[in-house]
Amino acid sequence: MIRIAITVDKKGLKKRRSAAVLSEPTREKLRLSKDKVKKTWRVFKQNRLGMAGLIILIVFFMMAVFASQIMWILAFIADWEYPYGPFDQVDEEFGGGAPSSEHWLGTDFRGSDILSRLIYGSRVSLIVGLVATVVSMGLGTIIGLLSGYWGGLKDEVLMRITDVFLVLPWLVLMIALAAVLPGGPTVGKVVFVIGITGWSATTRMVRAQVLSIKERAFVERARAIGSSDAHIVARHVFPNVFPIVFANAILTIALSILSESTLSFIGLGPDPTKVVTWGNMLEDAVKGGAMYNELYLWIFAPGLCIVFVVLGFTFVGYALDEIFNPKLRKR
């Protein structure tokens, strides 16, 4: 009985300590944040395109995370000798093989299993899309925040640099950078090229929002009490810009995946013998004469994956844009 009483007292003490750490205003903020998340999810669920896009993305993210486990399951179901890897030569006949019970989507001209390369290729394609988006959105957001908040000569200089990137054809600039930059065809190089060429539109969008937000009363009050510019931008301006940046980032991921596929298709992406992506699978299909040999799945499989992932991100992006812009919401 004494031990039980001590245990209960310790639990009560922990609760009292946690209650003391979280003040009443902090608990109120947490409660409001929780209610806001619930409200956002409630509105998101009512958007059919958004839910369809979310389901599509969950499927592909699960495929990317559990690629090796999926291949083991397929090997068990189909009674294969072993789960095929993306670089294993499972077919001795080079030139590409038709679908069979051993290779459901056939083999490519290197003798590798297409289904395995398709599943493992989702990893790099999604990673490139996500990381390149972080680079481009981060750079565009920082420049847009500083340009809009500073104004004056600094704003003019930053905007003229932004205009240069906006005027230049984006695809041509991306291909030129990928061809000129030193080093071999690596994933890091592709991410850098996509990120460094895709920030200008974000900068313009963020700057337009900052020009409006910095004139509002709460920013003026922050200046009046002596808050620094860095504090105002980080604590007052950026949180009001973030929802639009986040919604635009979802759409940018889709564009980044398409960009990687384009670079890989023309031979400027990662080396297909070392890294497998859906883009260099299409490149291999062209090199291997898939259309000439009537091996259509070799082309359609990675092509459809790219289409569905882009659709998934686009649907979710439009749904979030509808949430963060109530004027677009259906009445």
C-alpha atoms as a PDB file:
ATOM      1  CA  MET A   1       0.000   0.000   0.000  1.00  0.00           C
ATOM      2  CA  ILE A   2       2.846   2.364   0.796  1.00  0.00           C
ATOM      3  CA  ARG A   3       4.467   1.740  -2.601  1.00  0.00           C
ATOM      4  CA  ILE A   4       1.219   2.436  -4.436  1.00  0.00           C
ATOM      5  CA  ALA A   5       0.769   5.738  -2.583  1.00  0.00           C
ATOM      6  CA  ILE A   6       4.286   6.828  -3.496  1.00  0.00           C
ATOM      7  CA  THR A   7       3.683   5.998  -7.170  1.00  0.00           C
ATOM      8  CA  VAL A   8       0.469   7.981  -7.277  1.00  0.00           C
ATOM      9  CA  ASP A   9       2.175  10.911  -5.589  1.00  0.00           C
ATOM     10  CA  LYS A  10       4.964  10.884  -8.191  1.00  0.00           C
ATOM     11  CA  LYS A  11       2.460  10.926 -11.024  1.00  0.00           C
ATOM     12  CA  GLY A  12       0.611  13.810  -9.422  1.00  0.00           C
ATOM     13  CA  LEU A  13       3.866  15.672  -8.969  1.00  0.00           C
ATOM     14  CA  LYS A  14       4.700  15.224 -12.662  1.00  0.00           C
ATOM     15  CA  LYS A  15       1.287  16.554 -13.653  1.00  0.00           C
ATOM     16  CA  ARG A  16       1.699  19.585 -11.411  1.00  0.00           C
ATOM     17  CA  ARG A  17       5.150  20.256 -12.853  1.00  0.00           C
ATOM     18  CA  SER A  18       3.897  20.017 -16.447  1.00  0.00           C
ATOM     19  CA  ALA A  19       0.997  22.328 -15.594  1.00  0.00           C
ATOM     20  CA  ALA A  20       3.439  24.815 -14.083  1.00  0.00           C
ATOM     21  CA  VAL A  21       5.665  24.720 -17.197  1.00  0.00           C
ATOM     22  CA  LEU A  22       2.751  25.426 -19.567  1.00  0.00           C
ATOM     23  CA  SER A  23       1.234  28.741 -18.647  1.00  0.00           C
ATOM     24  CA  GLU A  24      -2.375  29.604 -19.356  1.00  0.00           C
ATOM     25  CA  PRO A  25      -1.583  31.714 -22.478  1.00  0.00           C
ATOM     26  CA  THR A  26       0.586  28.884 -23.838  1.00  0.00           C
ATOM     27  CA  ARG A  27      -2.170  26.324 -23.317  1.00  0.00           C
ATOM     28  CA  GLU A  28      -4.618  28.676 -25.024  1.00  0.00           C
ATOM     29  CA  LYS A  29      -2.304  29.013 -28.028  1.00  0.00           C
ATOM     30  CA  LEU A  30      -1.949  25.242 -28.250  1.00  0.00           C
ATOM     31  CA  ARG A  31      -5.707  24.821 -28.071  1.00  0.00           C
ATOM     32  CA  LEU A  32      -6.259  27.404 -30.824  1.00  0.00           C
ATOM     33  CA  SER A  33      -3.606  25.759 -32.994  1.00  0.00           C
ATOM     34  CA  LYS A  34      -5.267  22.375 -32.501  1.00  0.00           C
ATOM     35  CA  ASP A  35      -8.671  23.805 -33.429  1.00  0.00           C
ATOM     36  CA  LYS A  36      -7.179  25.453 -36.514  1.00  0.00           C
ATOM     37  CA  VAL A  37      -5.644  22.164 -37.665  1.00  0.00           C
ATOM     38  CA  LYS A  38      -8.962  20.370 -37.167  1.00  0.00           C
ATOM     39  CA  LYS A  39     -10.807  23.059 -39.118  1.00  0.00           C
ATOM     40  CA  THR A  40      -8.271  22.897 -41.960  1.00  0.00           C
ATOM     41  CA  TRP A  41      -8.574  19.113 -42.141  1.00  0.00           C
ATOM     42  CA  ARG A  42     -12.377  19.366 -42.101  1.00  0.00           C
ATOM     43  CA  VAL A  43     -12.343  21.761 -45.058  1.00  0.00           C
ATOM     44  CA  PHE A  44      -9.717  19.663 -46.867  1.00  0.00           C
ATOM     45  CA  LYS A  45     -11.836  16.498 -46.542  1.00  0.00           C
ATOM     46  CA  GLN A  46     -14.694  18.225 -48.335  1.00  0.00           C
ATOM     47  CA  ASN A  47     -12.505  18.747 -51.408  1.00  0.00           C
ATOM     48  CA  ARG A  48     -12.745  15.623 -53.567  1.00  0.00           C
ATOM     49  CA  LEU A  49      -9.749  16.459 -55.715  1.00  0.00           C
ATOM     50  CA  GLY A  50      -7.653  17.122 -52.627  1.00  0.00           C
ATOM     51  CA  MET A  51      -8.548  13.770 -51.062  1.00  0.00           C
ATOM     52  CA  ALA A  52      -7.921  11.954 -54.346  1.00  0.00           C
ATOM     53  CA  GLY A  53      -4.509  13.613 -54.592  1.00  0.00           C
ATOM     54  CA  LEU A  54      -3.696  12.747 -50.974  1.00  0.00           C
ATOM     55  CA  ILE A  55      -4.528   9.067 -51.558  1.00  0.00           C
ATOM     56  CA  ILE A  56      -2.341   8.993 -54.676  1.00  0.00           C
ATOM     57  CA  LEU A  57       0.590  10.559 -52.806  1.00  0.00           C
ATOM     58  CA  ILE A  58       0.228   8.170 -49.854  1.00  0.00           C
ATOM     59  CA  VAL A  59       0.438   5.208 -52.256  1.00  0.00           C
ATOM     60  CA  PHE A  60       3.610   6.497 -53.919  1.00  0.00           C
ATOM     61  CA  PHE A  61       5.275   7.534 -50.650  1.00  0.00           C
ATOM     62  CA  MET A  62       4.561   4.080 -49.234  1.00  0.00           C
ATOM     63  CA  MET A  63       6.059   2.569 -52.389  1.00  0.00           C
ATOM     64  CA  ALA A  64       9.187   4.704 -51.991  1.00  0.00           C
ATOM     65  CA  VAL A  65       9.662   4.022 -48.268  1.00  0.00           C
ATOM     66  CA  PHE A  66       8.928   0.287 -48.386  1.00  0.00           C
ATOM     67  CA  ALA A  67      10.377  -0.514 -51.827  1.00  0.00           C
ATOM     68  CA  SER A  68      12.494  -3.471 -50.670  1.00  0.00           C
ATOM     69  CA  GLN A  69       9.654  -4.907 -48.539  1.00  0.00           C
ATOM     70  CA  ILE A  70       7.264  -4.638 -51.506  1.00  0.00           C
ATOM     71  CA  MET A  71       9.687  -6.589 -53.698  1.00  0.00           C
ATOM     72  CA  TRP A  72       9.950  -9.312 -51.046  1.00  0.00           C
ATOM     73  CA  ILE A  73       6.152  -9.553 -50.876  1.00  0.00           C
ATOM     74  CA  LEU A  74       5.862  -9.740 -54.665  1.00  0.00           C
ATOM     75  CA  ALA A  75       8.573 -12.422 -54.770  1.00  0.00           C
ATOM     76  CA  PHE A  76       6.642 -14.458 -52.203  1.00  0.00           C
ATOM     77  CA  ILE A  77       3.315 -14.066 -54.036  1.00  0.00           C
ATOM     78  CA  ALA A  78       4.716 -14.816 -57.502  1.00  0.00           C
ATOM     79  CA  ASP A  79       7.061 -17.533 -56.212  1.00  0.00           C
ATOM     80  CA  TRP A  80      10.171 -15.875 -57.632  1.00  0.00           C
ATOM     81  CA  GLU A  81      13.565 -17.271 -56.741  1.00  0.00           C
ATOM     82  CA  TYR A  82      14.548 -13.983 -55.062  1.00  0.00           C
ATOM     83  CA  PRO A  83      13.321 -10.350 -55.030  1.00  0.00           C
ATOM     84  CA  TYR A  84      14.896  -8.535 -57.955  1.00  0.00           C
ATOM     85  CA  GLY A  85      16.989  -5.434 -57.360  1.00  0.00           C
ATOM     86  CA  PRO A  86      16.969  -2.396 -59.658  1.00  0.00           C
ATOM     87  CA  PHE A  87      20.476  -3.126 -60.987  1.00  0.00           C
ATOM     88  CA  ASP A  88      20.383  -6.940 -61.046  1.00  0.00           C
ATOM     89  CA  GLN A  89      20.884  -8.540 -64.462  1.00  0.00           C
ATOM     90  CA  VAL A  90      18.029 -11.033 -64.396  1.00  0.00           C
ATOM     91  CA  ASP A  91      17.732 -11.539 -68.162  1.00  0.00           C
ATOM     92  CA  GLU A  92      20.761 -12.725 -70.130  1.00  0.00           C
ATOM     93  CA  GLU A  93      19.219 -11.632 -73.433  1.00  0.00           C
ATOM     94  CA  PHE A  94      20.057  -7.968 -73.924  1.00  0.00           C
ATOM     95  CA  GLY A  95      17.673  -5.761 -75.865  1.00  0.00           C
ATOM     96  CA  GLY A  96      14.621  -5.981 -73.615  1.00  0.00           C
ATOM     97  CA  GLY A  97      12.211  -8.768 -72.774  1.00  0.00           C
ATOM     98  CA  ALA A  98       8.434  -8.952 -72.914  1.00  0.00           C
ATOM     99  CA  PRO A  99       6.312  -9.281 -69.735  1.00  0.00           C
ATOM    100  CA  SER A 100       6.184 -12.758 -68.214  1.00  0.00           C
ATOM    101  CA  SER A 101       5.325 -14.521 -64.982  1.00  0.00           C
ATOM    102  CA  GLU A 102       8.874 -13.902 -63.766  1.00  0.00           C
ATOM    103  CA  HIS A 103       9.002 -10.261 -64.869  1.00  0.00           C
ATOM    104  CA  TRP A 104       5.562  -8.686 -64.849  1.00  0.00           C
ATOM    105  CA  LEU A 105       6.596  -5.556 -66.789  1.00  0.00           C
ATOM    106  CA  GLY A 106       9.400  -7.186 -68.743  1.00  0.00           C
ATOM    107  CA  THR A 107      13.126  -6.383 -68.730  1.00  0.00           C
ATOM    108  CA  ASP A 108      15.117  -3.519 -70.220  1.00  0.00           C
ATOM    109  CA  PHE A 109      18.050  -3.623 -72.640  1.00  0.00           C
ATOM    110  CA  ARG A 110      20.459  -4.143 -69.724  1.00  0.00           C
ATOM    111  CA  GLY A 111      18.536  -7.199 -68.533  1.00  0.00           C
ATOM    112  CA  SER A 112      17.163  -5.494 -65.411  1.00  0.00           C
ATOM    113  CA  ASP A 113      13.625  -6.041 -64.142  1.00  0.00           C
ATOM    114  CA  ILE A 114      11.467  -3.024 -65.058  1.00  0.00           C
ATOM    115  CA  LEU A 115       9.044  -3.460 -62.159  1.00  0.00           C
ATOM    116  CA  SER A 116      11.903  -3.384 -59.662  1.00  0.00           C
ATOM    117  CA  ARG A 117      13.400  -0.266 -61.261  1.00  0.00           C
ATOM    118  CA  LEU A 118       9.960   1.356 -61.278  1.00  0.00           C
ATOM    119  CA  ILE A 119       9.404   0.768 -57.551  1.00  0.00           C
ATOM    120  CA  TYR A 120      12.906   1.770 -56.460  1.00  0.00           C
ATOM    121  CA  GLY A 121      12.874   4.710 -58.881  1.00  0.00           C
ATOM    122  CA  SER A 122      10.079   6.330 -56.872  1.00  0.00           C
ATOM    123  CA  ARG A 123      12.583   7.016 -54.074  1.00  0.00           C
ATOM    124  CA  VAL A 124      14.970   9.232 -56.020  1.00  0.00           C
ATOM    125  CA  SER A 125      12.215  10.901 -58.058  1.00  0.00           C
ATOM    126  CA  LEU A 126      10.368  11.973 -54.905  1.00  0.00           C
ATOM    127  CA  ILE A 127      13.561  12.935 -53.061  1.00  0.00           C
ATOM    128  CA  VAL A 128      14.689  15.126 -55.971  1.00  0.00           C
ATOM    129  CA  GLY A 129      11.247  16.755 -56.102  1.00  0.00           C
ATOM    130  CA  LEU A 130      11.143  17.453 -52.364  1.00  0.00           C
ATOM    131  CA  VAL A 131      14.732  18.654 -51.899  1.00  0.00           C
ATOM    132  CA  ALA A 132      14.730  20.801 -55.046  1.00  0.00           C
ATOM    133  CA  THR A 133      11.488  22.389 -53.876  1.00  0.00           C
ATOM    134  CA  VAL A 134      13.007  23.173 -50.470  1.00  0.00           C
ATOM    135  CA  VAL A 135      15.955  24.856 -52.221  1.00  0.00           C
ATOM    136  CA  SER A 136      13.855  26.916 -54.649  1.00  0.00           C
ATOM    137  CA  MET A 137      11.118  27.830 -52.159  1.00  0.00           C
ATOM    138  CA  GLY A 138      13.640  28.662 -49.438  1.00  0.00           C
ATOM    139  CA  LEU A 139      15.681  30.913 -51.713  1.00  0.00           C
ATOM    140  CA  GLY A 140      12.595  32.562 -53.204  1.00  0.00           C
ATOM    141  CA  THR A 141      10.979  33.127 -49.809  1.00  0.00           C
ATOM    142  CA  ILE A 142      14.083  34.680 -48.247  1.00  0.00           C
ATOM    143  CA  ILE A 143      14.679  37.046 -51.169  1.00  0.00           C
ATOM    144  CA  GLY A 144      10.990  37.962 -51.332  1.00  0.00           C
ATOM    145  CA  LEU A 145      10.816  38.696 -47.600  1.00  0.00           C
ATOM    146  CA  LEU A 146      13.933  40.863 -47.604  1.00  0.00           C
ATOM    147  CA  SER A 147      13.058  42.686 -50.812  1.00  0.00           C
ATOM    148  CA  GLY A 148       9.499  43.477 -49.762  1.00  0.00           C
ATOM    149  CA  TYR A 149      10.406  44.500 -46.232  1.00  0.00           C
ATOM    150  CA  TRP A 150      13.483  46.578 -47.074  1.00  0.00           C
ATOM    151  CA  GLY A 151      12.102  48.460 -50.061  1.00  0.00           C
ATOM    152  CA  GLY A 152      14.077  51.261 -51.708  1.00  0.00           C
ATOM    153  CA  LEU A 153      17.336  50.597 -53.561  1.00  0.00           C
ATOM    154  CA  LYS A 154      17.810  47.105 -52.129  1.00  0.00           C
ATOM    155  CA  ASP A 155      14.354  46.141 -53.364  1.00  0.00           C
ATOM    156  CA  GLU A 156      15.139  47.483 -56.842  1.00  0.00           C
ATOM    157  CA  VAL A 157      18.412  45.527 -57.088  1.00  0.00           C
ATOM    158  CA  LEU A 158      16.857  42.260 -55.909  1.00  0.00           C
ATOM    159  CA  MET A 159      13.867  42.666 -58.225  1.00  0.00           C
ATOM    160  CA  ARG A 160      16.033  43.328 -61.275  1.00  0.00           C
ATOM    161  CA  ILE A 161      17.962  40.118 -60.549  1.00  0.00           C
ATOM    162  CA  THR A 162      14.651  38.308 -60.150  1.00  0.00           C
ATOM    163  CA  ASP A 163      13.399  39.730 -63.458  1.00  0.00           C
ATOM    164  CA  VAL A 164      16.439  38.306 -65.238  1.00  0.00           C
ATOM    165  CA  PHE A 165      15.528  34.798 -64.057  1.00  0.00           C
ATOM    166  CA  LEU A 166      11.876  35.395 -64.942  1.00  0.00           C
ATOM    167  CA  VAL A 167      12.637  36.604 -68.476  1.00  0.00           C
ATOM    168  CA  LEU A 168      15.055  33.806 -69.383  1.00  0.00           C
ATOM    169  CA  PRO A 169      13.309  30.637 -70.650  1.00  0.00           C
ATOM    170  CA  TRP A 170      13.239  28.371 -67.624  1.00  0.00           C
ATOM    171  CA  LEU A 171      13.736  25.079 -69.479  1.00  0.00           C
ATOM    172  CA  VAL A 172      16.611  26.427 -71.589  1.00  0.00           C
ATOM    173  CA  LEU A 173      18.307  27.890 -68.503  1.00  0.00           C
ATOM    174  CA  MET A 174      17.969  24.615 -66.617  1.00  0.00           C
ATOM    175  CA  ILE A 175      19.412  22.572 -69.502  1.00  0.00           C
ATOM    176  CA  ALA A 176      22.258  25.067 -70.009  1.00  0.00           C
ATOM    177  CA  LEU A 177      23.253  24.985 -66.338  1.00  0.00           C
ATOM    178  CA  ALA A 178      23.100  21.189 -66.198  1.00  0.00           C
ATOM    179  CA  ALA A 179      25.338  20.970 -69.267  1.00  0.00           C
ATOM    180  CA  VAL A 180      27.842  23.655 -68.185  1.00  0.00           C
ATOM    181  CA  LEU A 181      28.314  22.868 -64.489  1.00  0.00           C
ATOM    182  CA  PRO A 182      31.354  20.662 -63.784  1.00  0.00           C
ATOM    183  CA  GLY A 183      31.062  17.188 -62.360  1.00  0.00           C
ATOM    184  CA  GLY A 184      29.292  14.074 -63.452  1.00  0.00           C
ATOM    185  CA  PRO A 185      25.543  13.482 -63.692  1.00  0.00           C
ATOM    186  CA  THR A 186      24.646  13.213 -59.993  1.00  0.00           C
ATOM    187  CA  VAL A 187      21.464  13.638 -57.973  1.00  0.00           C
ATOM    188  CA  GLY A 188      22.956  16.625 -56.110  1.00  0.00           C
ATOM    189  CA  LYS A 189      23.718  18.399 -59.368  1.00  0.00           C
ATOM    190  CA  VAL A 190      20.154  17.866 -60.631  1.00  0.00           C
ATOM    191  CA  VAL A 191      18.706  19.160 -57.339  1.00  0.00           C
ATOM    192  CA  PHE A 192      20.928  22.254 -57.477  1.00  0.00           C
ATOM    193  CA  VAL A 193      20.005  23.042 -61.090  1.00  0.00           C
ATOM    194  CA  ILE A 194      16.261  22.688 -60.488  1.00  0.00           C
ATOM    195  CA  GLY A 195      16.375  24.658 -57.238  1.00  0.00           C
ATOM    196  CA  ILE A 196      18.520  27.525 -58.501  1.00  0.00           C
ATOM    197  CA  THR A 197      16.347  28.090 -61.593  1.00  0.00           C
ATOM    198  CA  GLY A 198      12.910  27.877 -59.970  1.00  0.00           C
ATOM    199  CA  TRP A 199      12.919  30.518 -57.230  1.00  0.00           C
ATOM    200  CA  SER A 200      12.004  33.719 -59.098  1.00  0.00           C
ATOM    201  CA  ALA A 201       8.219  33.211 -59.263  1.00  0.00           C
ATOM    202  CA  THR A 202       8.138  32.515 -55.525  1.00  0.00           C
ATOM    203  CA  THR A 203      10.082  35.711 -54.844  1.00  0.00           C
ATOM    204  CA  ARG A 204       7.559  37.824 -56.721  1.00  0.00           C
ATOM    205  CA  MET A 205       4.631  36.183 -54.924  1.00  0.00           C
ATOM    206  CA  VAL A 206       6.165  36.575 -51.442  1.00  0.00           C
ATOM    207  CA  ARG A 207       7.237  40.166 -52.086  1.00  0.00           C
ATOM    208  CA  ALA A 208       3.696  41.145 -53.095  1.00  0.00           C
ATOM    209  CA  GLN A 209       2.350  39.716 -49.822  1.00  0.00           C
ATOM    210  CA  VAL A 210       5.048  41.373 -47.706  1.00  0.00           C
ATOM    211  CA  LEU A 211       4.359  44.801 -49.222  1.00  0.00           C
ATOM    212  CA  SER A 212       0.802  44.510 -47.915  1.00  0.00           C
ATOM    213  CA  ILE A 213       1.584  42.908 -44.551  1.00  0.00           C
ATOM    214  CA  LYS A 214       4.347  45.314 -43.479  1.00  0.00           C
ATOM    215  CA  GLU A 215       1.899  48.245 -43.518  1.00  0.00           C
ATOM    216  CA  ARG A 216      -0.571  46.620 -41.125  1.00  0.00           C
ATOM    217  CA  ALA A 217      -1.165  47.768 -37.563  1.00  0.00           C
ATOM    218  CA  PHE A 218       0.461  44.824 -35.760  1.00  0.00           C
ATOM    219  CA  VAL A 219       3.743  45.408 -37.624  1.00  0.00           C
ATOM    220  CA  GLU A 220       3.630  49.103 -36.772  1.00  0.00           C
ATOM    221  CA  ARG A 221       3.079  48.265 -33.092  1.00  0.00           C
ATOM    222  CA  ALA A 222       6.041  45.882 -33.174  1.00  0.00           C
ATOM    223  CA  ARG A 223       8.230  48.679 -34.557  1.00  0.00           C
ATOM    224  CA  ALA A 224       6.918  51.106 -31.933  1.00  0.00           C
ATOM    225  CA  ILE A 225       7.991  48.891 -29.026  1.00  0.00           C
ATOM    226  CA  GLY A 226      11.503  48.605 -30.477  1.00  0.00           C
ATOM    227  CA  SER A 227      11.440  45.166 -32.144  1.00  0.00           C
ATOM    228  CA  SER A 228      14.298  44.569 -34.563  1.00  0.00           C
ATOM    229  CA  ASP A 229      13.709  44.048 -38.274  1.00  0.00           C
ATOM    230  CA  ALA A 230      14.793  40.412 -38.001  1.00  0.00           C
ATOM    231  CA  HIS A 231      12.294  39.822 -35.184  1.00  0.00           C
ATOM    232  CA  ILE A 232       9.459  41.492 -37.108  1.00  0.00           C
ATOM    233  CA  VAL A 233      10.142  39.509 -40.276  1.00  0.00           C
ATOM    234  CA  ALA A 234      10.502  36.190 -38.439  1.00  0.00           C
ATOM    235  CA  ARG A 235       7.661  36.536 -35.925  1.00  0.00           C
ATOM    236  CA  HIS A 236       5.104  38.761 -37.664  1.00  0.00           C
ATOM    237  CA  VAL A 237       5.610  38.841 -41.439  1.00  0.00           C
ATOM    238  CA  PHE A 238       6.713  35.291 -42.301  1.00  0.00           C
ATOM    239  CA  PRO A 239       3.891  33.476 -40.398  1.00  0.00           C
ATOM    240  CA  ASN A 240       1.359  35.444 -42.455  1.00  0.00           C
ATOM    241  CA  VAL A 241       3.131  34.542 -45.704  1.00  0.00           C
ATOM    242  CA  PHE A 242       3.744  30.878 -44.869  1.00  0.00           C
ATOM    243  CA  PRO A 243       0.293  29.457 -45.824  1.00  0.00           C
ATOM    244  CA  ILE A 244       0.597  30.741 -49.391  1.00  0.00           C
ATOM    245  CA  VAL A 245       4.220  29.602 -49.595  1.00  0.00           C
ATOM    246  CA  PHE A 246       3.239  26.134 -48.381  1.00  0.00           C
ATOM    247  CA  ALA A 247       0.405  25.797 -50.903  1.00  0.00           C
ATOM    248  CA  ASN A 248       2.702  26.926 -53.710  1.00  0.00           C
ATOM    249  CA  ALA A 249       5.421  24.516 -52.544  1.00  0.00           C
ATOM    250  CA  ILE A 250       3.110  21.541 -53.103  1.00  0.00           C
ATOM    251  CA  LEU A 251       2.647  22.597 -56.729  1.00  0.00           C
ATOM    252  CA  THR A 252       6.387  23.235 -57.071  1.00  0.00           C
ATOM    253  CA  ILE A 253       7.170  19.643 -56.050  1.00  0.00           C
ATOM    254  CA  ALA A 254       5.212  18.424 -59.068  1.00  0.00           C
ATOM    255  CA  LEU A 255       7.146  20.813 -61.318  1.00  0.00           C
ATOM    256  CA  SER A 256      10.463  19.653 -59.828  1.00  0.00           C
ATOM    257  CA  ILE A 257       9.650  16.001 -60.532  1.00  0.00           C
ATOM    258  CA  LEU A 258       8.804  16.907 -64.126  1.00  0.00           C
ATOM    259  CA  SER A 259      12.063  18.855 -64.363  1.00  0.00           C
ATOM    260  CA  GLU A 260      14.096  15.875 -63.192  1.00  0.00           C
ATOM    261  CA  SER A 261      12.312  13.667 -65.708  1.00  0.00           C
ATOM    262  CA  THR A 262      13.084  16.151 -68.483  1.00  0.00           C
ATOM    263  CA  LEU A 263      16.783  16.375 -67.603  1.00  0.00           C
ATOM    264  CA  SER A 264      17.076  12.596 -67.297  1.00  0.00           C
ATOM    265  CA  PHE A 265      15.204  12.018 -70.551  1.00  0.00           C
ATOM    266  CA  ILE A 266      17.706  14.121 -72.511  1.00  0.00           C
ATOM    267  CA  GLY A 267      20.685  12.531 -70.769  1.00  0.00           C
ATOM    268  CA  LEU A 268      21.501  15.266 -68.225  1.00  0.00           C
ATOM    269  CA  GLY A 269      20.127  13.464 -65.177  1.00  0.00           C
ATOM    270  CA  PRO A 270      21.694  10.924 -62.810  1.00  0.00           C
ATOM    271  CA  ASP A 271      23.616   8.015 -64.296  1.00  0.00           C
ATOM    272  CA  PRO A 272      21.044   5.205 -64.890  1.00  0.00           C
ATOM    273  CA  THR A 273      23.655   2.547 -64.101  1.00  0.00           C
ATOM    274  CA  LYS A 274      24.098   3.975 -60.578  1.00  0.00           C
ATOM    275  CA  VAL A 275      20.817   5.735 -59.760  1.00  0.00           C
ATOM    276  CA  VAL A 276      17.387   4.795 -61.041  1.00  0.00           C
ATOM    277  CA  THR A 277      14.676   7.399 -61.572  1.00  0.00           C
ATOM    278  CA  TRP A 278      11.522   7.409 -63.652  1.00  0.00           C
ATOM    279  CA  GLY A 279      13.141   9.952 -65.953  1.00  0.00           C
ATOM    280  CA  ASN A 280      16.185   7.855 -66.830  1.00  0.00           C
ATOM    281  CA  MET A 281      13.896   4.834 -67.257  1.00  0.00           C
ATOM    282  CA  LEU A 282      12.288   6.757 -70.113  1.00  0.00           C
ATOM    283  CA  GLU A 283      15.763   7.556 -71.434  1.00  0.00           C
ATOM    284  CA  ASP A 284      16.628   3.841 -71.356  1.00  0.00           C
ATOM    285  CA  ALA A 285      13.391   3.052 -73.169  1.00  0.00           C
ATOM    286  CA  VAL A 286      14.322   5.373 -76.022  1.00  0.00           C
ATOM    287  CA  LYS A 287      17.901   4.062 -76.191  1.00  0.00           C
ATOM    288  CA  GLY A 288      16.698   0.461 -76.099  1.00  0.00           C
ATOM    289  CA  GLY A 289      14.170   0.948 -78.898  1.00  0.00           C
ATOM    290  CA  ALA A 290      11.100   0.152 -76.815  1.00  0.00           C
ATOM    291  CA  MET A 291       8.683   1.475 -79.454  1.00  0.00           C
ATOM    292  CA  TYR A 292      10.486  -0.364 -82.262  1.00  0.00           C
ATOM    293  CA  ASN A 293      10.394  -3.643 -80.304  1.00  0.00           C
ATOM    294  CA  GLU A 294       6.797  -3.030 -79.163  1.00  0.00           C
ATOM    295  CA  LEU A 295       7.796  -3.072 -75.480  1.00  0.00           C
ATOM    296  CA  TYR A 296       5.245  -0.396 -74.598  1.00  0.00           C
ATOM    297  CA  LEU A 297       5.144  -1.081 -70.859  1.00  0.00           C
ATOM    298  CA  TRP A 298       8.766  -0.015 -70.682  1.00  0.00           C
ATOM    299  CA  ILE A 299       7.570   3.494 -71.612  1.00  0.00           C
ATOM    300  CA  PHE A 300       4.055   3.580 -70.155  1.00  0.00           C
ATOM    301  CA  ALA A 301       4.986   2.360 -66.650  1.00  0.00           C
ATOM    302  CA  PRO A 302       7.367   5.213 -65.641  1.00  0.00           C
ATOM    303  CA  GLY A 303       5.368   7.701 -67.712  1.00  0.00           C
ATOM    304  CA  LEU A 304       2.143   6.915 -65.879  1.00  0.00           C
ATOM    305  CA  CYS A 305       3.911   7.082 -62.506  1.00  0.00           C
ATOM    306  CA  ILE A 306       5.157  10.583 -63.327  1.00  0.00           C
ATOM    307  CA  VAL A 307       1.680  11.637 -64.476  1.00  0.00           C
ATOM    308  CA  PHE A 308      -0.086  10.317 -61.373  1.00  0.00           C
ATOM    309  CA  VAL A 309       2.430  11.792 -58.906  1.00  0.00           C
ATOM    310  CA  VAL A 310       2.214  15.186 -60.616  1.00  0.00           C
ATOM    311  CA  LEU A 311      -1.598  14.957 -60.563  1.00  0.00           C
ATOM    312  CA  GLY A 312      -1.505  14.024 -56.870  1.00  0.00           C
ATOM    313  CA  PHE A 313       0.595  17.039 -55.904  1.00  0.00           C
ATOM    314  CA  THR A 314      -1.442  19.304 -58.183  1.00  0.00           C
ATOM    315  CA  PHE A 315      -4.762  18.201 -56.665  1.00  0.00           C
ATOM    316  CA  VAL A 316      -3.456  18.667 -53.109  1.00  0.00           C
ATOM    317  CA  GLY A 317      -1.968  22.051 -54.044  1.00  0.00           C
ATOM    318  CA  TYR A 318      -5.259  23.297 -55.467  1.00  0.00           C
ATOM    319  CA  ALA A 319      -7.120  22.065 -52.387  1.00  0.00           C
ATOM    320  CA  LEU A 320      -4.710  23.896 -50.062  1.00  0.00           C
ATOM    321  CA  ASP A 321      -4.958  27.010 -52.198  1.00  0.00           C
ATOM    322  CA  GLU A 322      -8.727  26.860 -51.772  1.00  0.00           C
ATOM    323  CA  ILE A 323      -8.322  26.547 -47.995  1.00  0.00           C
ATOM    324  CA  PHE A 324      -5.844  29.407 -47.619  1.00  0.00           C
ATOM    325  CA  ASN A 325      -7.781  31.631 -50.041  1.00  0.00           C
ATOM    326  CA  PRO A 326     -11.405  31.607 -48.824  1.00  0.00           C
ATOM    327  CA  LYS A 327     -12.519  33.605 -51.873  1.00  0.00           C
ATOM    328  CA  LEU A 328     -11.885  30.499 -53.987  1.00  0.00           C
ATOM    329  CA  ARG A 329     -13.966  28.306 -51.715  1.00  0.00           C
ATOM    330  CA  LYS A 330     -17.275  27.136 -53.102  1.00  0.00           C
ATOM    331  CA  ARG A 331     -20.273  28.590 -51.337  1.00  0.00           C
END
